[in-house]
Amino acid sequence: MEEVSMGTKVLNGFLTLMVGVLVLILIAVVVCLILAAFGIF
């Protein structure tokens, strides 16, 4: 399977984007918890 359909490319890009967003949200939550633990935030 050399050819990848456009829909598959779009889906893969979308899934990659979603994973990236989820990771960023998790990191942001962890940072906020750390700041809250130290009483900065």
Protein backbone atom coordinates (compact mmCIF):
# COMPACT_ATOMS: atom_id res chain seq x y z
CA MET A 1 0.00 0.00 0.00
CA GLU A 2 2.09 2.89 -1.29
CA GLU A 3 -0.77 5.36 -1.76
CA VAL A 4 -2.40 6.83 1.31
CA SER A 5 -5.81 8.37 0.76
CA MET A 6 -6.43 12.02 1.60
CA GLY A 7 -8.96 11.08 4.27
CA THR A 8 -6.40 8.88 6.04
CA LYS A 9 -3.84 11.71 5.98
CA VAL A 10 -6.37 14.16 7.41
CA LEU A 11 -7.44 11.66 10.07
CA ASN A 12 -3.85 10.92 11.07
CA GLY A 13 -3.06 14.64 11.26
CA PHE A 14 -6.17 15.28 13.33
CA LEU A 15 -5.38 12.43 15.74
CA THR A 16 -1.79 13.64 16.11
CA LEU A 17 -3.07 17.15 16.85
CA MET A 18 -5.54 15.84 19.43
CA VAL A 19 -2.82 13.80 21.18
CA GLY A 20 -0.59 16.90 21.25
CA VAL A 21 -3.37 19.01 22.74
CA LEU A 22 -4.12 16.37 25.40
CA VAL A 23 -0.45 16.19 26.36
CA LEU A 24 -0.25 19.98 26.64
CA ILE A 25 -3.38 20.04 28.83
CA LEU A 26 -1.95 17.33 31.11
CA ILE A 27 1.34 19.24 31.44
CA ALA A 28 -0.56 22.46 32.20
CA VAL A 29 -2.61 20.69 34.90
CA VAL A 30 0.52 19.22 36.50
CA VAL A 31 2.24 22.63 36.48
CA CYS A 32 -0.82 24.26 38.09
CA LEU A 33 -0.93 21.56 40.77
CA ILE A 34 2.77 22.07 41.54
CA LEU A 35 2.32 25.84 41.76
CA ALA A 36 -0.75 25.40 43.96
CA ALA A 37 1.19 23.02 46.22
CA PHE A 38 3.87 25.67 46.71
CA GLY A 39 1.25 28.37 47.20
CA ILE A 40 2.44 30.46 44.25
CA PHE A 41 -0.60 30.06 42.03
